[in-house]
Amino acid sequence: MSASADLIQRQLDAYNAHDIEAFMACYAEDAQLAGLNGAVTQTGHDAIRARHLDLFAQHPQNRAELANRIDLGTTVIDHERVERAPGGERFEVAAIYTISDGRIARVDFARGV
């Protein structure tokens, strides 16, 4: 596994464990989250932390399952299946991670149904 794929896997594992500290350790201080081809929705650790703490509180059984990963070095693309709770809301997402200096610098999300 490449260093970039390992970073993204650690981030996914922390997301699934709702471990905010391990999750945030994967992100650059000035990282950005955005919708694919859309505006940036969060910038920096404080905004990303707040978003995920809120998500984990609202959906305590939330999990993302990796369906496929494409590792292009400084870009990693994950196809994930997300389930908010067993038998609850389900959807698919493509997360396009941009890696810089060993941390996630940007994530662009495309959400399916």
PDB file of N, CA and C in Angstrom:
ATOM      1  N   MET A   1       0.851  -1.173   0.000  1.00  0.00           N
ATOM      2  CA  MET A   1       0.000   0.000   0.000  1.00  0.00           C
ATOM      3  C   MET A   1       0.897   1.237   0.000  1.00  0.00           C
ATOM      4  N   SER A   2       0.566   2.221  -0.828  1.00  0.00           N
ATOM      5  CA  SER A   2       1.361   3.444  -0.885  1.00  0.00           C
ATOM      6  C   SER A   2       1.129   4.289   0.365  1.00  0.00           C
ATOM      7  N   ALA A   3       1.995   5.258   0.595  1.00  0.00           N
ATOM      8  CA  ALA A   3       1.834   6.162   1.745  1.00  0.00           C
ATOM      9  C   ALA A   3       0.524   6.933   1.645  1.00  0.00           C
ATOM     10  N   SER A   4       0.146   7.337   0.433  1.00  0.00           N
ATOM     11  CA  SER A   4      -1.116   8.072   0.252  1.00  0.00           C
ATOM     12  C   SER A   4      -2.314   7.189   0.558  1.00  0.00           C
ATOM     13  N   ALA A   5      -2.321   5.976   0.054  1.00  0.00           N
ATOM     14  CA  ALA A   5      -3.430   5.048   0.322  1.00  0.00           C
ATOM     15  C   ALA A   5      -3.486   4.701   1.798  1.00  0.00           C
ATOM     16  N   ASP A   6      -2.332   4.565   2.442  1.00  0.00           N
ATOM     17  CA  ASP A   6      -2.289   4.288   3.871  1.00  0.00           C
ATOM     18  C   ASP A   6      -2.902   5.451   4.663  1.00  0.00           C
ATOM     19  N   LEU A   7      -2.570   6.682   4.289  1.00  0.00           N
ATOM     20  CA  LEU A   7      -3.138   7.866   4.935  1.00  0.00           C
ATOM     21  C   LEU A   7      -4.663   7.870   4.814  1.00  0.00           C
ATOM     22  N   ILE A   8      -5.164   7.602   3.623  1.00  0.00           N
ATOM     23  CA  ILE A   8      -6.613   7.625   3.402  1.00  0.00           C
ATOM     24  C   ILE A   8      -7.281   6.484   4.172  1.00  0.00           C
ATOM     25  N   GLN A   9      -6.639   5.338   4.247  1.00  0.00           N
ATOM     26  CA  GLN A   9      -7.210   4.235   5.024  1.00  0.00           C
ATOM     27  C   GLN A   9      -7.251   4.575   6.511  1.00  0.00           C
ATOM     28  N   ARG A  10      -6.193   5.202   7.029  1.00  0.00           N
ATOM     29  CA  ARG A  10      -6.188   5.620   8.441  1.00  0.00           C
ATOM     30  C   ARG A  10      -7.320   6.612   8.701  1.00  0.00           C
ATOM     31  N   GLN A  11      -7.535   7.532   7.760  1.00  0.00           N
ATOM     32  CA  GLN A  11      -8.607   8.504   7.888  1.00  0.00           C
ATOM     33  C   GLN A  11      -9.969   7.807   7.873  1.00  0.00           C
ATOM     34  N   LEU A  12     -10.157   6.830   6.992  1.00  0.00           N
ATOM     35  CA  LEU A  12     -11.422   6.096   6.914  1.00  0.00           C
ATOM     36  C   LEU A  12     -11.645   5.278   8.189  1.00  0.00           C
ATOM     37  N   ASP A  13     -10.610   4.640   8.682  1.00  0.00           N
ATOM     38  CA  ASP A  13     -10.726   3.870   9.925  1.00  0.00           C
ATOM     39  C   ASP A  13     -11.104   4.782  11.092  1.00  0.00           C
ATOM     40  N   ALA A  14     -10.488   5.957  11.176  1.00  0.00           N
ATOM     41  CA  ALA A  14     -10.799   6.908  12.246  1.00  0.00           C
ATOM     42  C   ALA A  14     -12.227   7.429  12.105  1.00  0.00           C
ATOM     43  N   TYR A  15     -12.659   7.674  10.879  1.00  0.00           N
ATOM     44  CA  TYR A  15     -14.037   8.104  10.608  1.00  0.00           C
ATOM     45  C   TYR A  15     -15.010   7.049  11.123  1.00  0.00           C
ATOM     46  N   ASN A  16     -14.760   5.803  10.792  1.00  0.00           N
ATOM     47  CA  ASN A  16     -15.654   4.724  11.214  1.00  0.00           C
ATOM     48  C   ASN A  16     -15.635   4.504  12.724  1.00  0.00           C
ATOM     49  N   ALA A  17     -14.524   4.794  13.364  1.00  0.00           N
ATOM     50  CA  ALA A  17     -14.420   4.674  14.821  1.00  0.00           C
ATOM     51  C   ALA A  17     -14.913   5.933  15.537  1.00  0.00           C
ATOM     52  N   HIS A  18     -15.244   6.965  14.753  1.00  0.00           N
ATOM     53  CA  HIS A  18     -15.647   8.266  15.296  1.00  0.00           C
ATOM     54  C   HIS A  18     -14.554   8.824  16.206  1.00  0.00           C
ATOM     55  N   ASP A  19     -13.306   8.562  15.834  1.00  0.00           N
ATOM     56  CA  ASP A  19     -12.137   9.024  16.589  1.00  0.00           C
ATOM     57  C   ASP A  19     -11.675  10.351  15.980  1.00  0.00           C
ATOM     58  N   ILE A  20     -12.200  11.442  16.513  1.00  0.00           N
ATOM     59  CA  ILE A  20     -11.954  12.750  15.914  1.00  0.00           C
ATOM     60  C   ILE A  20     -10.481  13.131  15.926  1.00  0.00           C
ATOM     61  N   GLU A  21      -9.741  12.747  16.956  1.00  0.00           N
ATOM     62  CA  GLU A  21      -8.321  13.117  17.015  1.00  0.00           C
ATOM     63  C   GLU A  21      -7.517  12.393  15.940  1.00  0.00           C
ATOM     64  N   ALA A  22      -7.724  11.094  15.791  1.00  0.00           N
ATOM     65  CA  ALA A  22      -7.026  10.334  14.749  1.00  0.00           C
ATOM     66  C   ALA A  22      -7.461  10.807  13.366  1.00  0.00           C
ATOM     67  N   PHE A  23      -8.738  11.137  13.218  1.00  0.00           N
ATOM     68  CA  PHE A  23      -9.273  11.637  11.949  1.00  0.00           C
ATOM     69  C   PHE A  23      -8.587  12.952  11.573  1.00  0.00           C
ATOM     70  N   MET A  24      -8.564  13.898  12.502  1.00  0.00           N
ATOM     71  CA  MET A  24      -7.993  15.216  12.220  1.00  0.00           C
ATOM     72  C   MET A  24      -6.486  15.148  11.989  1.00  0.00           C
ATOM     73  N   ALA A  25      -5.812  14.170  12.572  1.00  0.00           N
ATOM     74  CA  ALA A  25      -4.371  14.027  12.367  1.00  0.00           C
ATOM     75  C   ALA A  25      -4.023  13.758  10.905  1.00  0.00           C
ATOM     76  N   CYS A  26      -4.984  13.332  10.131  1.00  0.00           N
ATOM     77  CA  CYS A  26      -4.759  13.033   8.714  1.00  0.00           C
ATOM     78  C   CYS A  26      -4.857  14.274   7.826  1.00  0.00           C
ATOM     79  N   TYR A  27      -5.368  15.369   8.378  1.00  0.00           N
ATOM     80  CA  TYR A  27      -5.657  16.569   7.583  1.00  0.00           C
ATOM     81  C   TYR A  27      -4.641  17.678   7.812  1.00  0.00           C
ATOM     82  N   ALA A  28      -4.307  18.394   6.757  1.00  0.00           N
ATOM     83  CA  ALA A  28      -3.490  19.597   6.861  1.00  0.00           C
ATOM     84  C   ALA A  28      -4.277  20.658   7.625  1.00  0.00           C
ATOM     85  N   GLU A  29      -3.565  21.553   8.307  1.00  0.00           N
ATOM     86  CA  GLU A  29      -4.224  22.615   9.086  1.00  0.00           C
ATOM     87  C   GLU A  29      -5.175  23.457   8.243  1.00  0.00           C
ATOM     88  N   ASP A  30      -4.842  23.672   6.971  1.00  0.00           N
ATOM     89  CA  ASP A  30      -5.663  24.516   6.094  1.00  0.00           C
ATOM     90  C   ASP A  30      -6.446  23.695   5.063  1.00  0.00           C
ATOM     91  N   ALA A  31      -6.701  22.434   5.370  1.00  0.00           N
ATOM     92  CA  ALA A  31      -7.418  21.542   4.440  1.00  0.00           C
ATOM     93  C   ALA A  31      -8.788  22.109   4.102  1.00  0.00           C
ATOM     94  N   GLN A  32      -9.278  21.713   2.922  1.00  0.00           N
ATOM     95  CA  GLN A  32     -10.582  22.161   2.462  1.00  0.00           C
ATOM     96  C   GLN A  32     -11.447  20.969   2.093  1.00  0.00           C
ATOM     97  N   LEU A  33     -12.748  21.088   2.370  1.00  0.00           N
ATOM     98  CA  LEU A  33     -13.752  20.123   1.922  1.00  0.00           C
ATOM     99  C   LEU A  33     -14.678  20.853   0.963  1.00  0.00           C
ATOM    100  N   ALA A  34     -15.094  20.155  -0.093  1.00  0.00           N
ATOM    101  CA  ALA A  34     -15.945  20.790  -1.102  1.00  0.00           C
ATOM    102  C   ALA A  34     -16.806  19.748  -1.792  1.00  0.00           C
ATOM    103  N   GLY A  35     -17.897  20.219  -2.362  1.00  0.00           N
ATOM    104  CA  GLY A  35     -18.676  19.383  -3.263  1.00  0.00           C
ATOM    105  C   GLY A  35     -17.981  19.374  -4.607  1.00  0.00           C
ATOM    106  N   LEU A  36     -18.025  18.259  -5.305  1.00  0.00           N
ATOM    107  CA  LEU A  36     -17.378  18.169  -6.616  1.00  0.00           C
ATOM    108  C   LEU A  36     -17.925  19.259  -7.536  1.00  0.00           C
ATOM    109  N   ASN A  37     -17.024  20.030  -8.102  1.00  0.00           N
ATOM    110  CA  ASN A  37     -17.363  21.153  -8.984  1.00  0.00           C
ATOM    111  C   ASN A  37     -18.178  22.229  -8.280  1.00  0.00           C
ATOM    112  N   GLY A  38     -18.119  22.246  -6.955  1.00  0.00           N
ATOM    113  CA  GLY A  38     -18.883  23.224  -6.193  1.00  0.00           C
ATOM    114  C   GLY A  38     -17.985  24.044  -5.290  1.00  0.00           C
ATOM    115  N   ALA A  39     -18.627  24.811  -4.459  1.00  0.00           N
ATOM    116  CA  ALA A  39     -17.916  25.692  -3.544  1.00  0.00           C
ATOM    117  C   ALA A  39     -17.301  24.906  -2.390  1.00  0.00           C
ATOM    118  N   VAL A  40     -16.249  25.460  -1.821  1.00  0.00           N
ATOM    119  CA  VAL A  40     -15.641  24.909  -0.610  1.00  0.00           C
ATOM    120  C   VAL A  40     -16.641  25.093   0.527  1.00  0.00           C
ATOM    121  N   THR A  41     -16.876  24.029   1.297  1.00  0.00           N
ATOM    122  CA  THR A  41     -17.850  24.081   2.394  1.00  0.00           C
ATOM    123  C   THR A  41     -17.185  24.229   3.762  1.00  0.00           C
ATOM    124  N   GLN A  42     -15.970  23.724   3.923  1.00  0.00           N
ATOM    125  CA  GLN A  42     -15.223  23.866   5.165  1.00  0.00           C
ATOM    126  C   GLN A  42     -13.756  24.104   4.831  1.00  0.00           C
ATOM    127  N   THR A  43     -13.125  24.967   5.614  1.00  0.00           N
ATOM    128  CA  THR A  43     -11.697  25.227   5.484  1.00  0.00           C
ATOM    129  C   THR A  43     -11.072  25.221   6.876  1.00  0.00           C
ATOM    130  N   GLY A  44     -10.018  24.442   7.028  1.00  0.00           N
ATOM    131  CA  GLY A  44      -9.259  24.420   8.262  1.00  0.00           C
ATOM    132  C   GLY A  44      -9.768  23.429   9.292  1.00  0.00           C
ATOM    133  N   HIS A  45      -8.888  23.120  10.233  1.00  0.00           N
ATOM    134  CA  HIS A  45      -9.172  22.120  11.259  1.00  0.00           C
ATOM    135  C   HIS A  45     -10.432  22.427  12.059  1.00  0.00           C
ATOM    136  N   ASP A  46     -10.623  23.675  12.475  1.00  0.00           N
ATOM    137  CA  ASP A  46     -11.778  23.991  13.311  1.00  0.00           C
ATOM    138  C   ASP A  46     -13.087  23.665  12.598  1.00  0.00           C
ATOM    139  N   ALA A  47     -13.213  24.054  11.341  1.00  0.00           N
ATOM    140  CA  ALA A  47     -14.446  23.822  10.585  1.00  0.00           C
ATOM    141  C   ALA A  47     -14.643  22.335  10.285  1.00  0.00           C
ATOM    142  N   ILE A  48     -13.574  21.642   9.935  1.00  0.00           N
ATOM    143  CA  ILE A  48     -13.679  20.211   9.624  1.00  0.00           C
ATOM    144  C   ILE A  48     -13.999  19.424  10.892  1.00  0.00           C
ATOM    145  N   ARG A  49     -13.365  19.778  11.986  1.00  0.00           N
ATOM    146  CA  ARG A  49     -13.642  19.129  13.274  1.00  0.00           C
ATOM    147  C   ARG A  49     -15.115  19.333  13.656  1.00  0.00           C
ATOM    148  N   ALA A  50     -15.603  20.560  13.581  1.00  0.00           N
ATOM    149  CA  ALA A  50     -16.996  20.857  13.951  1.00  0.00           C
ATOM    150  C   ALA A  50     -17.973  20.072  13.083  1.00  0.00           C
ATOM    151  N   ARG A  51     -17.709  20.009  11.790  1.00  0.00           N
ATOM    152  CA  ARG A  51     -18.589  19.263  10.884  1.00  0.00           C
ATOM    153  C   ARG A  51     -18.685  17.795  11.309  1.00  0.00           C
ATOM    154  N   HIS A  52     -17.544  17.198  11.604  1.00  0.00           N
ATOM    155  CA  HIS A  52     -17.541  15.763  11.899  1.00  0.00           C
ATOM    156  C   HIS A  52     -18.019  15.455  13.319  1.00  0.00           C
ATOM    157  N   LEU A  53     -17.746  16.317  14.268  1.00  0.00           N
ATOM    158  CA  LEU A  53     -18.307  16.117  15.604  1.00  0.00           C
ATOM    159  C   LEU A  53     -19.828  16.156  15.544  1.00  0.00           C
ATOM    160  N   ASP A  54     -20.375  17.079  14.761  1.00  0.00           N
ATOM    161  CA  ASP A  54     -21.826  17.167  14.586  1.00  0.00           C
ATOM    162  C   ASP A  54     -22.365  15.915  13.892  1.00  0.00           C
ATOM    163  N   LEU A  55     -21.684  15.468  12.845  1.00  0.00           N
ATOM    164  CA  LEU A  55     -22.105  14.257  12.122  1.00  0.00           C
ATOM    165  C   LEU A  55     -22.088  13.043  13.043  1.00  0.00           C
ATOM    166  N   PHE A  56     -21.011  12.880  13.824  1.00  0.00           N
ATOM    167  CA  PHE A  56     -20.905  11.731  14.726  1.00  0.00           C
ATOM    168  C   PHE A  56     -21.968  11.780  15.818  1.00  0.00           C
ATOM    169  N   ALA A  57     -22.318  12.983  16.286  1.00  0.00           N
ATOM    170  CA  ALA A  57     -23.356  13.120  17.319  1.00  0.00           C
ATOM    171  C   ALA A  57     -24.735  12.797  16.740  1.00  0.00           C
ATOM    172  N   GLN A  58     -24.997  13.253  15.522  1.00  0.00           N
ATOM    173  CA  GLN A  58     -26.299  13.014  14.896  1.00  0.00           C
ATOM    174  C   GLN A  58     -26.478  11.574  14.449  1.00  0.00           C
ATOM    175  N   HIS A  59     -25.388  10.928  14.076  1.00  0.00           N
ATOM    176  CA  HIS A  59     -25.440   9.563  13.524  1.00  0.00           C
ATOM    177  C   HIS A  59     -24.392   8.692  14.225  1.00  0.00           C
ATOM    178  N   PRO A  60     -24.649   8.279  15.463  1.00  0.00           N
ATOM    179  CA  PRO A  60     -23.631   7.551  16.235  1.00  0.00           C
ATOM    180  C   PRO A  60     -23.265   6.175  15.675  1.00  0.00           C
ATOM    181  N   GLN A  61     -24.044   5.650  14.745  1.00  0.00           N
ATOM    182  CA  GLN A  61     -23.712   4.357  14.140  1.00  0.00           C
ATOM    183  C   GLN A  61     -23.250   4.514  12.688  1.00  0.00           C
ATOM    184  N   ASN A  62     -23.009   5.742  12.268  1.00  0.00           N
ATOM    185  CA  ASN A  62     -22.572   6.037  10.907  1.00  0.00           C
ATOM    186  C   ASN A  62     -21.299   5.267  10.562  1.00  0.00           C
ATOM    187  N   ARG A  63     -21.281   4.671   9.361  1.00  0.00           N
ATOM    188  CA  ARG A  63     -20.102   3.944   8.875  1.00  0.00           C
ATOM    189  C   ARG A  63     -20.000   4.110   7.368  1.00  0.00           C
ATOM    190  N   ALA A  64     -18.767   4.093   6.884  1.00  0.00           N
ATOM    191  CA  ALA A  64     -18.501   4.106   5.448  1.00  0.00           C
ATOM    192  C   ALA A  64     -17.716   2.850   5.096  1.00  0.00           C
ATOM    193  N   GLU A  65     -18.178   2.147   4.094  1.00  0.00           N
ATOM    194  CA  GLU A  65     -17.520   0.926   3.621  1.00  0.00           C
ATOM    195  C   GLU A  65     -16.843   1.220   2.291  1.00  0.00           C
ATOM    196  N   LEU A  66     -15.580   0.878   2.192  1.00  0.00           N
ATOM    197  CA  LEU A  66     -14.831   1.098   0.959  1.00  0.00           C
ATOM    198  C   LEU A  66     -15.280   0.103  -0.105  1.00  0.00           C
ATOM    199  N   ALA A  67     -15.735   0.619  -1.241  1.00  0.00           N
ATOM    200  CA  ALA A  67     -16.113  -0.230  -2.371  1.00  0.00           C
ATOM    201  C   ALA A  67     -14.956  -0.361  -3.363  1.00  0.00           C
ATOM    202  N   ASN A  68     -14.212   0.739  -3.530  1.00  0.00           N
ATOM    203  CA  ASN A  68     -13.101   0.729  -4.479  1.00  0.00           C
ATOM    204  C   ASN A  68     -12.180   1.909  -4.173  1.00  0.00           C
ATOM    205  N   ARG A  69     -10.908   1.726  -4.433  1.00  0.00           N
ATOM    206  CA  ARG A  69      -9.934   2.804  -4.240  1.00  0.00           C
ATOM    207  C   ARG A  69      -9.027   2.866  -5.458  1.00  0.00           C
ATOM    208  N   ILE A  70      -8.788   4.078  -5.921  1.00  0.00           N
ATOM    209  CA  ILE A  70      -7.835   4.340  -7.000  1.00  0.00           C
ATOM    210  C   ILE A  70      -6.733   5.207  -6.411  1.00  0.00           C
ATOM    211  N   ASP A  71      -5.520   4.723  -6.459  1.00  0.00           N
ATOM    212  CA  ASP A  71      -4.369   5.418  -5.876  1.00  0.00           C
ATOM    213  C   ASP A  71      -3.507   5.962  -7.012  1.00  0.00           C
ATOM    214  N   LEU A  72      -3.478   7.293  -7.138  1.00  0.00           N
ATOM    215  CA  LEU A  72      -2.683   7.945  -8.173  1.00  0.00           C
ATOM    216  C   LEU A  72      -1.529   8.746  -7.575  1.00  0.00           C
ATOM    217  N   GLY A  73      -1.133   8.376  -6.379  1.00  0.00           N
ATOM    218  CA  GLY A  73      -0.020   9.061  -5.725  1.00  0.00           C
ATOM    219  C   GLY A  73      -0.520  10.205  -4.872  1.00  0.00           C
ATOM    220  N   THR A  74      -0.507  11.436  -5.409  1.00  0.00           N
ATOM    221  CA  THR A  74      -0.974  12.586  -4.637  1.00  0.00           C
ATOM    222  C   THR A  74      -2.487  12.778  -4.734  1.00  0.00           C
ATOM    223  N   THR A  75      -3.154  11.922  -5.482  1.00  0.00           N
ATOM    224  CA  THR A  75      -4.619  11.900  -5.553  1.00  0.00           C
ATOM    225  C   THR A  75      -5.078  10.476  -5.292  1.00  0.00           C
ATOM    226  N   VAL A  76      -6.015  10.345  -4.364  1.00  0.00           N
ATOM    227  CA  VAL A  76      -6.619   9.042  -4.070  1.00  0.00           C
ATOM    228  C   VAL A  76      -8.126   9.222  -4.180  1.00  0.00           C
ATOM    229  N   ILE A  77      -8.764   8.322  -4.908  1.00  0.00           N
ATOM    230  CA  ILE A  77     -10.211   8.389  -5.103  1.00  0.00           C
ATOM    231  C   ILE A  77     -10.845   7.163  -4.467  1.00  0.00           C
ATOM    232  N   ASP A  78     -11.737   7.405  -3.518  1.00  0.00           N
ATOM    233  CA  ASP A  78     -12.470   6.320  -2.862  1.00  0.00           C
ATOM    234  C   ASP A  78     -13.927   6.338  -3.301  1.00  0.00           C
ATOM    235  N   HIS A  79     -14.448   5.161  -3.596  1.00  0.00           N
ATOM    236  CA  HIS A  79     -15.890   4.954  -3.766  1.00  0.00           C
ATOM    237  C   HIS A  79     -16.346   4.291  -2.479  1.00  0.00           C
ATOM    238  N   GLU A  80     -17.220   4.964  -1.745  1.00  0.00           N
ATOM    239  CA  GLU A  80     -17.641   4.478  -0.433  1.00  0.00           C
ATOM    240  C   GLU A  80     -19.158   4.319  -0.389  1.00  0.00           C
ATOM    241  N   ARG A  81     -19.596   3.339   0.371  1.00  0.00           N
ATOM    242  CA  ARG A  81     -21.012   3.140   0.668  1.00  0.00           C
ATOM    243  C   ARG A  81     -21.218   3.538   2.128  1.00  0.00           C
ATOM    244  N   VAL A  82     -22.060   4.522   2.351  1.00  0.00           N
ATOM    245  CA  VAL A  82     -22.273   5.071   3.692  1.00  0.00           C
ATOM    246  C   VAL A  82     -23.646   4.629   4.200  1.00  0.00           C
ATOM    247  N   GLU A  83     -23.666   4.221   5.455  1.00  0.00           N
ATOM    248  CA  GLU A  83     -24.920   3.859   6.118  1.00  0.00           C
ATOM    249  C   GLU A  83     -24.959   4.613   7.439  1.00  0.00           C
ATOM    250  N   ARG A  84     -26.002   5.434   7.612  1.00  0.00           N
ATOM    251  CA  ARG A  84     -26.108   6.259   8.816  1.00  0.00           C
ATOM    252  C   ARG A  84     -26.371   5.425  10.061  1.00  0.00           C
ATOM    253  N   ALA A  85     -27.128   4.328   9.904  1.00  0.00           N
ATOM    254  CA  ALA A  85     -27.429   3.395  10.996  1.00  0.00           C
ATOM    255  C   ALA A  85     -27.907   2.109  10.350  1.00  0.00           C
ATOM    256  N   PRO A  86     -27.758   0.976  11.029  1.00  0.00           N
ATOM    257  CA  PRO A  86     -28.251  -0.276  10.461  1.00  0.00           C
ATOM    258  C   PRO A  86     -29.718  -0.134  10.042  1.00  0.00           C
ATOM    259  N   GLY A  87     -29.976  -0.370   8.769  1.00  0.00           N
ATOM    260  CA  GLY A  87     -31.324  -0.233   8.227  1.00  0.00           C
ATOM    261  C   GLY A  87     -31.741   1.202   7.978  1.00  0.00           C
ATOM    262  N   GLY A  88     -30.835   2.159   8.212  1.00  0.00           N
ATOM    263  CA  GLY A  88     -31.139   3.583   8.050  1.00  0.00           C
ATOM    264  C   GLY A  88     -30.761   4.098   6.674  1.00  0.00           C
ATOM    265  N   GLU A  89     -30.634   5.418   6.587  1.00  0.00           N
ATOM    266  CA  GLU A  89     -30.290   6.083   5.329  1.00  0.00           C
ATOM    267  C   GLU A  89     -28.989   5.516   4.781  1.00  0.00           C
ATOM    268  N   ARG A  90     -28.993   5.260   3.468  1.00  0.00           N
ATOM    269  CA  ARG A  90     -27.798   4.751   2.783  1.00  0.00           C
ATOM    270  C   ARG A  90     -27.571   5.577   1.523  1.00  0.00           C
ATOM    271  N   PHE A  91     -26.305   5.775   1.209  1.00  0.00           N
ATOM    272  CA  PHE A  91     -25.959   6.472  -0.032  1.00  0.00           C
ATOM    273  C   PHE A  91     -24.520   6.131  -0.385  1.00  0.00           C
ATOM    274  N   GLU A  92     -24.140   6.479  -1.599  1.00  0.00           N
ATOM    275  CA  GLU A  92     -22.772   6.257  -2.062  1.00  0.00           C
ATOM    276  C   GLU A  92     -22.107   7.602  -2.288  1.00  0.00           C
ATOM    277  N   VAL A  93     -20.794   7.611  -2.134  1.00  0.00           N
ATOM    278  CA  VAL A  93     -20.034   8.832  -2.321  1.00  0.00           C
ATOM    279  C   VAL A  93     -18.709   8.496  -3.007  1.00  0.00           C
ATOM    280  N   ALA A  94     -18.285   9.406  -3.865  1.00  0.00           N
ATOM    281  CA  ALA A  94     -16.922   9.368  -4.392  1.00  0.00           C
ATOM    282  C   ALA A  94     -16.185  10.492  -3.676  1.00  0.00           C
ATOM    283  N   ALA A  95     -15.114  10.157  -2.995  1.00  0.00           N
ATOM    284  CA  ALA A  95     -14.290  11.138  -2.285  1.00  0.00           C
ATOM    285  C   ALA A  95     -12.960  11.224  -3.006  1.00  0.00           C
ATOM    286  N   ILE A  96     -12.648  12.404  -3.498  1.00  0.00           N
ATOM    287  CA  ILE A  96     -11.406  12.632  -4.235  1.00  0.00           C
ATOM    288  C   ILE A  96     -10.468  13.399  -3.312  1.00  0.00           C
ATOM    289  N   TYR A  97      -9.454  12.704  -2.817  1.00  0.00           N
ATOM    290  CA  TYR A  97      -8.515  13.254  -1.844  1.00  0.00           C
ATOM    291  C   TYR A  97      -7.273  13.778  -2.554  1.00  0.00           C
ATOM    292  N   THR A  98      -6.879  15.002  -2.221  1.00  0.00           N
ATOM    293  CA  THR A  98      -5.626  15.568  -2.694  1.00  0.00           C
ATOM    294  C   THR A  98      -4.661  15.575  -1.513  1.00  0.00           C
ATOM    295  N   ILE A  99      -3.500  14.958  -1.697  1.00  0.00           N
ATOM    296  CA  ILE A  99      -2.500  14.798  -0.640  1.00  0.00           C
ATOM    297  C   ILE A  99      -1.349  15.776  -0.879  1.00  0.00           C
ATOM    298  N   SER A 100      -0.921  16.445   0.187  1.00  0.00           N
ATOM    299  CA  SER A 100       0.229  17.340   0.107  1.00  0.00           C
ATOM    300  C   SER A 100       1.008  17.232   1.412  1.00  0.00           C
ATOM    301  N   ASP A 101       2.309  17.037   1.316  1.00  0.00           N
ATOM    302  CA  ASP A 101       3.180  16.939   2.496  1.00  0.00           C
ATOM    303  C   ASP A 101       2.682  15.902   3.499  1.00  0.00           C
ATOM    304  N   GLY A 102       2.173  14.774   3.005  1.00  0.00           N
ATOM    305  CA  GLY A 102       1.777  13.673   3.866  1.00  0.00           C
ATOM    306  C   GLY A 102       0.461  13.851   4.591  1.00  0.00           C
ATOM    307  N   ARG A 103      -0.328  14.854   4.216  1.00  0.00           N
ATOM    308  CA  ARG A 103      -1.624  15.109   4.840  1.00  0.00           C
ATOM    309  C   ARG A 103      -2.675  15.364   3.744  1.00  0.00           C
ATOM    310  N   ILE A 104      -3.926  15.216   4.120  1.00  0.00           N
ATOM    311  CA  ILE A 104      -5.021  15.516   3.193  1.00  0.00           C
ATOM    312  C   ILE A 104      -5.159  17.030   3.112  1.00  0.00           C
ATOM    313  N   ALA A 105      -5.006  17.574   1.904  1.00  0.00           N
ATOM    314  CA  ALA A 105      -5.101  19.018   1.688  1.00  0.00           C
ATOM    315  C   ALA A 105      -6.497  19.428   1.224  1.00  0.00           C
ATOM    316  N   ARG A 106      -7.182  18.508   0.541  1.00  0.00           N
ATOM    317  CA  ARG A 106      -8.514  18.831   0.006  1.00  0.00           C
ATOM    318  C   ARG A 106      -9.254  17.536  -0.259  1.00  0.00           C
ATOM    319  N   VAL A 107     -10.574  17.599  -0.051  1.00  0.00           N
ATOM    320  CA  VAL A 107     -11.449  16.486  -0.423  1.00  0.00           C
ATOM    321  C   VAL A 107     -12.615  17.068  -1.197  1.00  0.00           C
ATOM    322  N   ASP A 108     -12.856  16.515  -2.377  1.00  0.00           N
ATOM    323  CA  ASP A 108     -14.026  16.854  -3.185  1.00  0.00           C
ATOM    324  C   ASP A 108     -14.954  15.669  -3.178  1.00  0.00           C
ATOM    325  N   PHE A 109     -16.218  15.899  -2.803  1.00  0.00           N
ATOM    326  CA  PHE A 109     -17.195  14.829  -2.670  1.00  0.00           C
ATOM    327  C   PHE A 109     -18.238  14.880  -3.775  1.00  0.00           C
ATOM    328  N   ALA A 110     -18.545  13.711  -4.333  1.00  0.00           N
ATOM    329  CA  ALA A 110     -19.688  13.544  -5.241  1.00  0.00           C
ATOM    330  C   ALA A 110     -20.592  12.527  -4.574  1.00  0.00           C
ATOM    331  N   ARG A 111     -21.812  12.924  -4.248  1.00  0.00           N
ATOM    332  CA  ARG A 111     -22.732  12.032  -3.526  1.00  0.00           C
ATOM    333  C   ARG A 111     -23.782  11.484  -4.468  1.00  0.00           C
ATOM    334  N   GLY A 112     -23.977  10.158  -4.381  1.00  0.00           N
ATOM    335  CA  GLY A 112     -25.020   9.501  -5.148  1.00  0.00           C
ATOM    336  C   GLY A 112     -26.218   9.249  -4.268  1.00  0.00           C
ATOM    337  N   VAL A 113     -27.104   8.398  -4.744  1.00  0.00           N
ATOM    338  CA  VAL A 113     -28.310   8.063  -3.978  1.00  0.00           C
ATOM    339  C   VAL A 113     -28.226   6.660  -3.440  1.00  0.00           C
TER     340      VAL A 113
END
